[in-house]
Amino acid sequence: MRIVEGDRLKHKLTGRLYELKTIKDGAFVLESKETPYRMWFGERDLEVFFKKAGKNKRR
């Protein structure tokens, strides 16, 4: 899965939406859209637990 900063990801188990805020040294920082939580994941974990929800459309 190819992801870039700003992508929206959906958690496969809970269905919550997260936005990819930063990519740093192989770690991905996700920020929840519904709660004030941030999470760090490696690339393998990201592919296991998340799927792409679509790109944010900026107007």
Protein backbone atom coordinates (compact mmCIF):
# COMPACT_ATOMS: atom_id res chain seq x y z
CA MET A 1 0.00 0.00 0.00
CA ARG A 2 1.43 3.37 -0.99
CA ILE A 3 0.59 6.11 1.48
CA VAL A 4 1.57 9.75 1.77
CA GLU A 5 1.02 12.47 4.35
CA GLY A 6 -2.60 13.58 4.45
CA ASP A 7 -4.06 10.18 3.51
CA ARG A 8 -7.10 9.01 5.43
CA LEU A 9 -6.95 5.47 6.80
CA LYS A 10 -9.72 3.34 8.28
CA HIS A 11 -8.99 0.90 11.12
CA LYS A 12 -10.02 -2.59 10.00
CA LEU A 13 -11.35 -3.66 13.42
CA THR A 14 -12.99 -0.53 14.86
CA GLY A 15 -13.85 1.37 11.68
CA ARG A 16 -12.44 4.64 13.06
CA LEU A 17 -10.89 7.13 10.66
CA TYR A 18 -7.33 8.37 11.07
CA GLU A 19 -5.28 10.87 9.12
CA LEU A 20 -1.61 10.32 8.40
CA LYS A 21 0.11 13.38 9.85
CA THR A 22 3.84 12.60 9.58
CA ILE A 23 6.23 10.03 8.16
CA LYS A 24 9.55 10.01 10.02
CA ASP A 25 12.31 7.37 9.97
CA GLY A 26 9.97 4.57 8.90
CA ALA A 27 7.32 5.45 11.50
CA PHE A 28 3.89 6.76 10.63
CA VAL A 29 2.01 9.13 12.96
CA LEU A 30 -1.76 8.81 12.74
CA GLU A 31 -4.23 11.22 14.32
CA SER A 32 -7.80 10.14 15.00
CA LYS A 33 -10.63 12.12 13.42
CA GLU A 34 -13.12 11.23 16.19
CA THR A 35 -10.96 11.25 19.32
CA PRO A 36 -7.90 13.24 20.48
CA TYR A 37 -5.57 10.24 20.03
CA ARG A 38 -2.33 9.90 18.09
CA MET A 39 -0.61 6.62 17.29
CA TRP A 40 2.75 5.56 15.86
CA PHE A 41 3.01 2.55 13.56
CA GLY A 42 5.65 0.87 11.44
CA GLU A 43 4.88 0.06 7.81
CA ARG A 44 4.02 -3.61 8.39
CA ASP A 45 1.65 -2.85 11.28
CA LEU A 46 -0.01 -0.11 9.27
CA GLU A 47 -0.80 -2.54 6.45
CA VAL A 48 -2.16 -5.15 8.87
CA PHE A 49 -4.51 -2.88 10.83
CA PHE A 50 -5.52 -0.17 8.34
CA LYS A 51 -6.93 0.26 4.84
CA LYS A 52 -7.10 3.41 2.73
CA ALA A 53 -10.30 5.40 3.17
CA GLY A 54 -9.63 7.86 0.35
CA LYS A 55 -7.74 11.10 -0.08
CA ASN A 56 -8.81 14.28 1.67
CA LYS A 57 -10.32 16.62 -0.90
CA ARG A 58 -9.23 20.20 -0.40
CA ARG A 59 -11.43 22.95 -1.72
